[in-house]
PDB file of N, CA and C in Angstrom:
ATOM      1  N   MET A   1     184.569 108.937 275.733  1.00  0.00           N
ATOM      2  CA  MET A   1     184.335 107.536 275.414  1.00  0.00           C
ATOM      3  C   MET A   1     184.934 107.226 274.042  1.00  0.00           C
ATOM      4  N   PRO A   2     185.566 106.087 273.897  1.00  0.00           N
ATOM      5  CA  PRO A   2     186.131 105.718 272.597  1.00  0.00           C
ATOM      6  C   PRO A   2     185.047 105.473 271.556  1.00  0.00           C
ATOM      7  N   THR A   3     185.402 105.693 270.305  1.00  0.00           N
ATOM      8  CA  THR A   3     184.477 105.498 269.193  1.00  0.00           C
ATOM      9  C   THR A   3     185.135 104.630 268.133  1.00  0.00           C
ATOM     10  N   ILE A   4     184.372 103.660 267.635  1.00  0.00           N
ATOM     11  CA  ILE A   4     184.820 102.837 266.514  1.00  0.00           C
ATOM     12  C   ILE A   4     184.061 103.302 265.284  1.00  0.00           C
ATOM     13  N   VAL A   5     184.802 103.558 264.213  1.00  0.00           N
ATOM     14  CA  VAL A   5     184.205 104.023 262.960  1.00  0.00           C
ATOM     15  C   VAL A   5     184.159 102.860 261.975  1.00  0.00           C
ATOM     16  N   VAL A   6     182.983 102.691 261.345  1.00  0.00           N
ATOM     17  CA  VAL A   6     182.793 101.666 260.317  1.00  0.00           C
ATOM     18  C   VAL A   6     182.390 102.387 259.033  1.00  0.00           C
ATOM     19  N   ASP A   7     183.174 102.181 257.968  1.00  0.00           N
ATOM     20  CA  ASP A   7     182.856 102.770 256.666  1.00  0.00           C
ATOM     21  C   ASP A   7     182.412 101.665 255.716  1.00  0.00           C
ATOM     22  N   VAL A   8     181.289 101.895 255.049  1.00  0.00           N
ATOM     23  CA  VAL A   8     180.708 100.931 254.116  1.00  0.00           C
ATOM     24  C   VAL A   8     180.554 101.620 252.765  1.00  0.00           C
ATOM     25  N   MET A   9     180.996 100.928 251.706  1.00  0.00           N
ATOM     26  CA  MET A   9     180.907 101.482 250.355  1.00  0.00           C
ATOM     27  C   MET A   9     180.219 100.486 249.430  1.00  0.00           C
ATOM     28  N   PRO A  10     179.552 100.980 248.384  1.00  0.00           N
ATOM     29  CA  PRO A  10     179.005 100.053 247.393  1.00  0.00           C
ATOM     30  C   PRO A  10     180.142  99.289 246.720  1.00  0.00           C
ATOM     31  N   LYS A  11     179.889  98.038 246.397  1.00  0.00           N
ATOM     32  CA  LYS A  11     180.887  97.265 245.654  1.00  0.00           C
ATOM     33  C   LYS A  11     181.162  97.981 244.327  1.00  0.00           C
ATOM     34  N   PRO A  12     182.383  97.860 243.794  1.00  0.00           N
ATOM     35  CA  PRO A  12     182.738  98.582 242.563  1.00  0.00           C
ATOM     36  C   PRO A  12     181.808  98.292 241.387  1.00  0.00           C
ATOM     37  N   GLU A  13     181.272  97.082 241.312  1.00  0.00           N
ATOM     38  CA  GLU A  13     180.421  96.729 240.177  1.00  0.00           C
ATOM     39  C   GLU A  13     178.968  97.201 240.328  1.00  0.00           C
ATOM     40  N   ILE A  14     178.635  97.788 241.474  1.00  0.00           N
ATOM     41  CA  ILE A  14     177.270  98.270 241.725  1.00  0.00           C
ATOM     42  C   ILE A  14     177.171  99.732 241.285  1.00  0.00           C
ATOM     43  N   LEU A  15     176.129 100.048 240.553  1.00  0.00           N
ATOM     44  CA  LEU A  15     175.894 101.439 240.149  1.00  0.00           C
ATOM     45  C   LEU A  15     175.687 102.303 241.384  1.00  0.00           C
ATOM     46  N   ASP A  16     176.171 103.526 241.331  1.00  0.00           N
ATOM     47  CA  ASP A  16     176.064 104.460 242.454  1.00  0.00           C
ATOM     48  C   ASP A  16     175.438 105.753 241.957  1.00  0.00           C
ATOM     49  N   PRO A  17     174.095 105.800 241.870  1.00  0.00           N
ATOM     50  CA  PRO A  17     173.452 106.999 241.327  1.00  0.00           C
ATOM     51  C   PRO A  17     173.700 108.247 242.168  1.00  0.00           C
ATOM     52  N   GLN A  18     173.816 108.119 243.479  1.00  0.00           N
ATOM     53  CA  GLN A  18     174.095 109.299 244.304  1.00  0.00           C
ATOM     54  C   GLN A  18     175.494 109.833 244.014  1.00  0.00           C
ATOM     55  N   GLY A  19     176.461 108.931 243.909  1.00  0.00           N
ATOM     56  CA  GLY A  19     177.814 109.354 243.568  1.00  0.00           C
ATOM     57  C   GLY A  19     177.867 110.021 242.208  1.00  0.00           C
ATOM     58  N   LYS A  20     177.114 109.456 241.249  1.00  0.00           N
ATOM     59  CA  LYS A  20     177.081 110.034 239.902  1.00  0.00           C
ATOM     60  C   LYS A  20     176.470 111.440 239.920  1.00  0.00           C
ATOM     61  N   ALA A  21     175.413 111.629 240.712  1.00  0.00           N
ATOM     62  CA  ALA A  21     174.785 112.954 240.822  1.00  0.00           C
ATOM     63  C   ALA A  21     175.743 113.956 241.452  1.00  0.00           C
ATOM     64  N   ILE A  22     176.468 113.520 242.472  1.00  0.00           N
ATOM     65  CA  ILE A  22     177.439 114.407 243.116  1.00  0.00           C
ATOM     66  C   ILE A  22     178.552 114.761 242.135  1.00  0.00           C
ATOM     67  N   ALA A  23     179.039 113.767 241.395  1.00  0.00           N
ATOM     68  CA  ALA A  23     180.101 114.009 240.413  1.00  0.00           C
ATOM     69  C   ALA A  23     179.652 115.017 239.366  1.00  0.00           C
ATOM     70  N   GLY A  24     178.383 114.970 238.969  1.00  0.00           N
ATOM     71  CA  GLY A  24     177.864 115.928 238.002  1.00  0.00           C
ATOM     72  C   GLY A  24     177.725 117.330 238.575  1.00  0.00           C
ATOM     73  N   ALA A  25     177.444 117.416 239.872  1.00  0.00           N
ATOM     74  CA  ALA A  25     177.246 118.719 240.508  1.00  0.00           C
ATOM     75  C   ALA A  25     178.563 119.422 240.836  1.00  0.00           C
ATOM     76  N   LEU A  26     179.607 118.669 241.108  1.00  0.00           N
ATOM     77  CA  LEU A  26     180.876 119.290 241.515  1.00  0.00           C
ATOM     78  C   LEU A  26     181.387 120.348 240.537  1.00  0.00           C
ATOM     79  N   PRO A  27     181.508 120.032 239.226  1.00  0.00           N
ATOM     80  CA  PRO A  27     182.026 121.071 238.320  1.00  0.00           C
ATOM     81  C   PRO A  27     181.089 122.271 238.203  1.00  0.00           C
ATOM     82  N   ARG A  28     179.782 122.031 238.290  1.00  0.00           N
ATOM     83  CA  ARG A  28     178.830 123.154 238.219  1.00  0.00           C
ATOM     84  C   ARG A  28     178.994 124.100 239.403  1.00  0.00           C
ATOM     85  N   LEU A  29     179.521 123.569 240.508  1.00  0.00           N
ATOM     86  CA  LEU A  29     179.721 124.385 241.707  1.00  0.00           C
ATOM     87  C   LEU A  29     181.156 124.897 241.826  1.00  0.00           C
ATOM     88  N   GLY A  30     181.949 124.669 240.782  1.00  0.00           N
ATOM     89  CA  GLY A  30     183.309 125.191 240.755  1.00  0.00           C
ATOM     90  C   GLY A  30     184.376 124.253 241.295  1.00  0.00           C
ATOM     91  N   PHE A  31     184.020 123.005 241.609  1.00  0.00           N
ATOM     92  CA  PHE A  31     184.993 122.025 242.094  1.00  0.00           C
ATOM     93  C   PHE A  31     185.424 121.161 240.917  1.00  0.00           C
ATOM     94  N   THR A  32     186.643 121.359 240.459  1.00  0.00           N
ATOM     95  CA  THR A  32     187.102 120.642 239.278  1.00  0.00           C
ATOM     96  C   THR A  32     188.233 119.685 239.641  1.00  0.00           C
ATOM     97  N   GLY A  33     188.549 118.811 238.696  1.00  0.00           N
ATOM     98  CA  GLY A  33     189.669 117.908 238.879  1.00  0.00           C
ATOM     99  C   GLY A  33     189.305 116.561 239.473  1.00  0.00           C
ATOM    100  N   PHE A  34     188.033 116.304 239.699  1.00  0.00           N
ATOM    101  CA  PHE A  34     187.603 115.025 240.254  1.00  0.00           C
ATOM    102  C   PHE A  34     187.047 114.157 239.137  1.00  0.00           C
ATOM    103  N   ALA A  35     187.559 112.940 239.002  1.00  0.00           N
ATOM    104  CA  ALA A  35     187.143 112.057 237.910  1.00  0.00           C
ATOM    105  C   ALA A  35     185.832 111.344 238.211  1.00  0.00           C
ATOM    106  N   SER A  36     185.613 110.976 239.484  1.00  0.00           N
ATOM    107  CA  SER A  36     184.377 110.272 239.841  1.00  0.00           C
ATOM    108  C   SER A  36     184.150 110.386 241.336  1.00  0.00           C
ATOM    109  N   VAL A  37     182.969 110.007 241.756  1.00  0.00           N
ATOM    110  CA  VAL A  37     182.587 110.026 243.171  1.00  0.00           C
ATOM    111  C   VAL A  37     181.843 108.739 243.484  1.00  0.00           C
ATOM    112  N   ARG A  38     182.159 108.122 244.605  1.00  0.00           N
ATOM    113  CA  ARG A  38     181.400 106.996 245.150  1.00  0.00           C
ATOM    114  C   ARG A  38     180.906 107.439 246.514  1.00  0.00           C
ATOM    115  N   GLN A  39     179.641 107.255 246.782  1.00  0.00           N
ATOM    116  CA  GLN A  39     179.080 107.693 248.049  1.00  0.00           C
ATOM    117  C   GLN A  39     178.789 106.482 248.911  1.00  0.00           C
ATOM    118  N   GLY A  40     179.250 106.508 250.152  1.00  0.00           N
ATOM    119  CA  GLY A  40     179.045 105.394 251.066  1.00  0.00           C
ATOM    120  C   GLY A  40     178.391 105.846 252.358  1.00  0.00           C
ATOM    121  N   ARG A  41     178.549 104.995 253.367  1.00  0.00           N
ATOM    122  CA  ARG A  41     177.950 105.279 254.672  1.00  0.00           C
ATOM    123  C   ARG A  41     179.006 105.132 255.760  1.00  0.00           C
ATOM    124  N   ARG A  42     178.829 105.884 256.836  1.00  0.00           N
ATOM    125  CA  ARG A  42     179.740 105.845 257.979  1.00  0.00           C
ATOM    126  C   ARG A  42     178.920 105.632 259.243  1.00  0.00           C
ATOM    127  N   PHE A  43     179.381 104.720 260.063  1.00  0.00           N
ATOM    128  CA  PHE A  43     178.747 104.448 261.346  1.00  0.00           C
ATOM    129  C   PHE A  43     179.759 104.740 262.440  1.00  0.00           C
ATOM    130  N   GLU A  44     179.329 105.343 263.538  1.00  0.00           N
ATOM    131  CA  GLU A  44     180.185 105.576 264.689  1.00  0.00           C
ATOM    132  C   GLU A  44     179.601 104.828 265.873  1.00  0.00           C
ATOM    133  N   LEU A  45     180.352 103.873 266.393  1.00  0.00           N
ATOM    134  CA  LEU A  45     179.925 103.051 267.517  1.00  0.00           C
ATOM    135  C   LEU A  45     180.666 103.528 268.761  1.00  0.00           C
ATOM    136  N   THR A  46     179.942 104.101 269.721  1.00  0.00           N
ATOM    137  CA  THR A  46     180.561 104.556 270.956  1.00  0.00           C
ATOM    138  C   THR A  46     180.709 103.363 271.892  1.00  0.00           C
ATOM    139  N   VAL A  47     181.887 103.231 272.459  1.00  0.00           N
ATOM    140  CA  VAL A  47     182.224 102.067 273.273  1.00  0.00           C
ATOM    141  C   VAL A  47     182.193 102.446 274.748  1.00  0.00           C
ATOM    142  N   GLU A  48     181.554 101.588 275.536  1.00  0.00           N
ATOM    143  CA  GLU A  48     181.600 101.753 276.989  1.00  0.00           C
ATOM    144  C   GLU A  48     182.863 101.064 277.477  1.00  0.00           C
ATOM    145  N   GLY A  49     183.776 101.831 278.029  1.00  0.00           N
ATOM    146  CA  GLY A  49     185.019 101.242 278.517  1.00  0.00           C
ATOM    147  C   GLY A  49     186.094 101.259 277.459  1.00  0.00           C
ATOM    148  N   GLU A  50     187.006 100.300 277.573  1.00  0.00           N
ATOM    149  CA  GLU A  50     188.190 100.221 276.724  1.00  0.00           C
ATOM    150  C   GLU A  50     187.896  99.475 275.423  1.00  0.00           C
ATOM    151  N   VAL A  51     188.561  99.888 274.347  1.00  0.00           N
ATOM    152  CA  VAL A  51     188.448  99.175 273.079  1.00  0.00           C
ATOM    153  C   VAL A  51     189.489  98.051 273.086  1.00  0.00           C
ATOM    154  N   THR A  52     189.006  96.834 273.235  1.00  0.00           N
ATOM    155  CA  THR A  52     189.877  95.662 273.233  1.00  0.00           C
ATOM    156  C   THR A  52     189.766  94.963 271.879  1.00  0.00           C
ATOM    157  N   GLU A  53     190.608  93.955 271.670  1.00  0.00           N
ATOM    158  CA  GLU A  53     190.522  93.174 270.428  1.00  0.00           C
ATOM    159  C   GLU A  53     189.156  92.511 270.306  1.00  0.00           C
ATOM    160  N   ASP A  54     188.572  92.090 271.441  1.00  0.00           N
ATOM    161  CA  ASP A  54     187.244  91.468 271.418  1.00  0.00           C
ATOM    162  C   ASP A  54     186.175  92.470 270.977  1.00  0.00           C
ATOM    163  N   VAL A  55     186.287  93.697 271.466  1.00  0.00           N
ATOM    164  CA  VAL A  55     185.329  94.742 271.077  1.00  0.00           C
ATOM    165  C   VAL A  55     185.475  95.044 269.587  1.00  0.00           C
ATOM    166  N   LEU A  56     186.704  95.140 269.097  1.00  0.00           N
ATOM    167  CA  LEU A  56     186.917  95.372 267.664  1.00  0.00           C
ATOM    168  C   LEU A  56     186.379  94.216 266.831  1.00  0.00           C
ATOM    169  N   ALA A  57     186.561  92.986 267.316  1.00  0.00           N
ATOM    170  CA  ALA A  57     186.036  91.818 266.598  1.00  0.00           C
ATOM    171  C   ALA A  57     184.514  91.871 266.539  1.00  0.00           C
ATOM    172  N   GLN A  58     183.878  92.294 267.632  1.00  0.00           N
ATOM    173  CA  GLN A  58     182.418  92.430 267.631  1.00  0.00           C
ATOM    174  C   GLN A  58     181.969  93.513 266.646  1.00  0.00           C
ATOM    175  N   ALA A  59     182.717  94.609 266.591  1.00  0.00           N
ATOM    176  CA  ALA A  59     182.380  95.689 265.655  1.00  0.00           C
ATOM    177  C   ALA A  59     182.507  95.199 264.220  1.00  0.00           C
ATOM    178  N   ARG A  60     183.568  94.424 263.923  1.00  0.00           N
ATOM    179  CA  ARG A  60     183.734  93.879 262.564  1.00  0.00           C
ATOM    180  C   ARG A  60     182.589  92.939 262.211  1.00  0.00           C
ATOM    181  N   LYS A  61     182.187  92.106 263.169  1.00  0.00           N
ATOM    182  CA  LYS A  61     181.083  91.171 262.921  1.00  0.00           C
ATOM    183  C   LYS A  61     179.774  91.935 262.697  1.00  0.00           C
ATOM    184  N   ALA A  62     179.527  92.959 263.513  1.00  0.00           N
ATOM    185  CA  ALA A  62     178.327  93.782 263.330  1.00  0.00           C
ATOM    186  C   ALA A  62     178.356  94.474 261.971  1.00  0.00           C
ATOM    187  N   ALA A  63     179.541  94.937 261.570  1.00  0.00           N
ATOM    188  CA  ALA A  63     179.674  95.606 260.273  1.00  0.00           C
ATOM    189  C   ALA A  63     179.315  94.663 259.138  1.00  0.00           C
ATOM    190  N   GLU A  64     179.804  93.434 259.209  1.00  0.00           N
ATOM    191  CA  GLU A  64     179.553  92.447 258.149  1.00  0.00           C
ATOM    192  C   GLU A  64     178.115  91.935 258.145  1.00  0.00           C
ATOM    193  N   GLU A  65     177.516  91.769 259.331  1.00  0.00           N
ATOM    194  CA  GLU A  65     176.212  91.114 259.428  1.00  0.00           C
ATOM    195  C   GLU A  65     175.027  92.072 259.547  1.00  0.00           C
ATOM    196  N   LEU A  66     175.259  93.294 260.035  1.00  0.00           N
ATOM    197  CA  LEU A  66     174.133  94.184 260.292  1.00  0.00           C
ATOM    198  C   LEU A  66     174.255  95.536 259.589  1.00  0.00           C
ATOM    199  N   LEU A  67     175.441  96.125 259.630  1.00  0.00           N
ATOM    200  CA  LEU A  67     175.602  97.492 259.123  1.00  0.00           C
ATOM    201  C   LEU A  67     175.763  97.571 257.614  1.00  0.00           C
ATOM    202  N   SER A  68     176.098  96.450 256.989  1.00  0.00           N
ATOM    203  CA  SER A  68     176.269  96.448 255.542  1.00  0.00           C
ATOM    204  C   SER A  68     175.398  95.370 254.913  1.00  0.00           C
ATOM    205  N   ASN A  69     175.151  95.538 253.624  1.00  0.00           N
ATOM    206  CA  ASN A  69     174.475  94.518 252.838  1.00  0.00           C
ATOM    207  C   ASN A  69     175.560  93.842 252.008  1.00  0.00           C
ATOM    208  N   PRO A  70     175.998  92.635 252.414  1.00  0.00           N
ATOM    209  CA  PRO A  70     177.152  92.020 251.751  1.00  0.00           C
ATOM    210  C   PRO A  70     176.939  91.695 250.275  1.00  0.00           C
ATOM    211  N   VAL A  71     175.709  91.716 249.812  1.00  0.00           N
ATOM    212  CA  VAL A  71     175.446  91.460 248.397  1.00  0.00           C
ATOM    213  C   VAL A  71     175.914  92.635 247.544  1.00  0.00           C
ATOM    214  N   ILE A  72     175.729  93.854 248.049  1.00  0.00           N
ATOM    215  CA  ILE A  72     176.035  95.037 247.237  1.00  0.00           C
ATOM    216  C   ILE A  72     177.061  95.978 247.860  1.00  0.00           C
ATOM    217  N   GLU A  73     177.493  95.700 249.107  1.00  0.00           N
ATOM    218  CA  GLU A  73     178.398  96.622 249.790  1.00  0.00           C
ATOM    219  C   GLU A  73     179.608  95.892 250.363  1.00  0.00           C
ATOM    220  N   ASP A  74     180.697  96.644 250.514  1.00  0.00           N
ATOM    221  CA  ASP A  74     181.908  96.170 251.178  1.00  0.00           C
ATOM    222  C   ASP A  74     182.140  97.004 252.427  1.00  0.00           C
ATOM    223  N   VAL A  75     182.551  96.351 253.498  1.00  0.00           N
ATOM    224  CA  VAL A  75     183.025  97.075 254.675  1.00  0.00           C
ATOM    225  C   VAL A  75     184.477  97.421 254.374  1.00  0.00           C
ATOM    226  N   VAL A  76     184.786  98.697 254.265  1.00  0.00           N
ATOM    227  CA  VAL A  76     186.128  99.100 253.848  1.00  0.00           C
ATOM    228  C   VAL A  76     187.002  99.570 255.007  1.00  0.00           C
ATOM    229  N   ASN A  77     186.401  99.799 256.186  1.00  0.00           N
ATOM    230  CA  ASN A  77     187.188 100.275 257.315  1.00  0.00           C
ATOM    231  C   ASN A  77     186.446 100.003 258.612  1.00  0.00           C
ATOM    232  N   VAL A  78     187.162  99.465 259.584  1.00  0.00           N
ATOM    233  CA  VAL A  78     186.694  99.369 260.962  1.00  0.00           C
ATOM    234  C   VAL A  78     187.888  99.785 261.804  1.00  0.00           C
ATOM    235  N   ALA A  79     187.806 100.958 262.429  1.00  0.00           N
ATOM    236  CA  ALA A  79     188.963 101.497 263.142  1.00  0.00           C
ATOM    237  C   ALA A  79     188.513 102.332 264.330  1.00  0.00           C
ATOM    238  N   VAL A  80     189.410 102.454 265.288  1.00  0.00           N
ATOM    239  CA  VAL A  80     189.153 103.304 266.442  1.00  0.00           C
ATOM    240  C   VAL A  80     189.426 104.742 266.039  1.00  0.00           C
ATOM    241  N   LEU A  81     188.473 105.607 266.305  1.00  0.00           N
ATOM    242  CA  LEU A  81     188.626 107.030 266.014  1.00  0.00           C
ATOM    243  C   LEU A  81     189.526 107.641 267.075  1.00  0.00           C
ATOM    244  N   THR A  82     190.590 108.292 266.660  1.00  0.00           N
ATOM    245  CA  THR A  82     191.513 108.897 267.620  1.00  0.00           C
ATOM    246  C   THR A  82     190.872 110.110 268.279  1.00  0.00           C
ATOM    247  N   GLU A  83     191.391 110.482 269.431  1.00  0.00           N
ATOM    248  CA  GLU A  83     190.828 111.621 270.158  1.00  0.00           C
ATOM    249  C   GLU A  83     190.926 112.907 269.349  1.00  0.00           C
ATOM    250  N   SER A  84     192.029 113.116 268.634  1.00  0.00           N
ATOM    251  CA  SER A  84     192.171 114.348 267.843  1.00  0.00           C
ATOM    252  C   SER A  84     191.160 114.370 266.707  1.00  0.00           C
ATOM    253  N   ALA A  85     190.888 113.213 266.105  1.00  0.00           N
ATOM    254  CA  ALA A  85     189.884 113.148 265.041  1.00  0.00           C
ATOM    255  C   ALA A  85     188.493 113.372 265.615  1.00  0.00           C
ATOM    256  N   GLN A  86     188.236 112.873 266.826  1.00  0.00           N
ATOM    257  CA  GLN A  86     186.942 113.110 267.469  1.00  0.00           C
ATOM    258  C   GLN A  86     186.749 114.592 267.727  1.00  0.00           C
ATOM    259  N   ASP A  87     187.803 115.261 268.219  1.00  0.00           N
ATOM    260  CA  ASP A  87     187.726 116.697 268.484  1.00  0.00           C
ATOM    261  C   ASP A  87     187.422 117.474 267.204  1.00  0.00           C
ATOM    262  N   GLU A  88     188.081 117.096 266.094  1.00  0.00           N
ATOM    263  CA  GLU A  88     187.858 117.770 264.819  1.00  0.00           C
ATOM    264  C   GLU A  88     186.435 117.565 264.328  1.00  0.00           C
ATOM    265  N   SER A  89     185.894 116.335 264.456  1.00  0.00           N
ATOM    266  CA  SER A  89     184.552 116.062 263.957  1.00  0.00           C
ATOM    267  C   SER A  89     183.502 116.770 264.807  1.00  0.00           C
ATOM    268  N   GLN A  90     183.762 116.957 266.085  1.00  0.00           N
ATOM    269  CA  GLN A  90     182.798 117.647 266.952  1.00  0.00           C
ATOM    270  C   GLN A  90     182.801 119.144 266.711  1.00  0.00           C
ATOM    271  N   SER A  91     183.930 119.702 266.278  1.00  0.00           N
ATOM    272  CA  SER A  91     184.001 121.137 266.035  1.00  0.00           C
ATOM    273  C   SER A  91     183.507 121.518 264.653  1.00  0.00           C
ATOM    274  N   ALA A  92     183.350 120.538 263.755  1.00  0.00           N
ATOM    275  CA  ALA A  92     182.902 120.832 262.383  1.00  0.00           C
ATOM    276  C   ALA A  92     181.419 121.124 262.322  1.00  0.00           C
TER     277      ALA A  92
END
């Protein structure tokens, strides 16, 4: 079944305490070279049938009205997950 992925991130002007905590932990765990971290959310919408422009439009509307808080978050991606990416995410 096809999957639509929706990525939501805090707006740049919103503080991100989780991202800040992760950024602080990375060097302590030996991961260097990262200047900052922003932590967001990912939604996977499984589609019954074919992904049409109408289905994508519905996913975008759901992302804006239900999956995100437009006061503090931006919807940064609404895309169909390719089969190879689905295979990789299932094997991880």
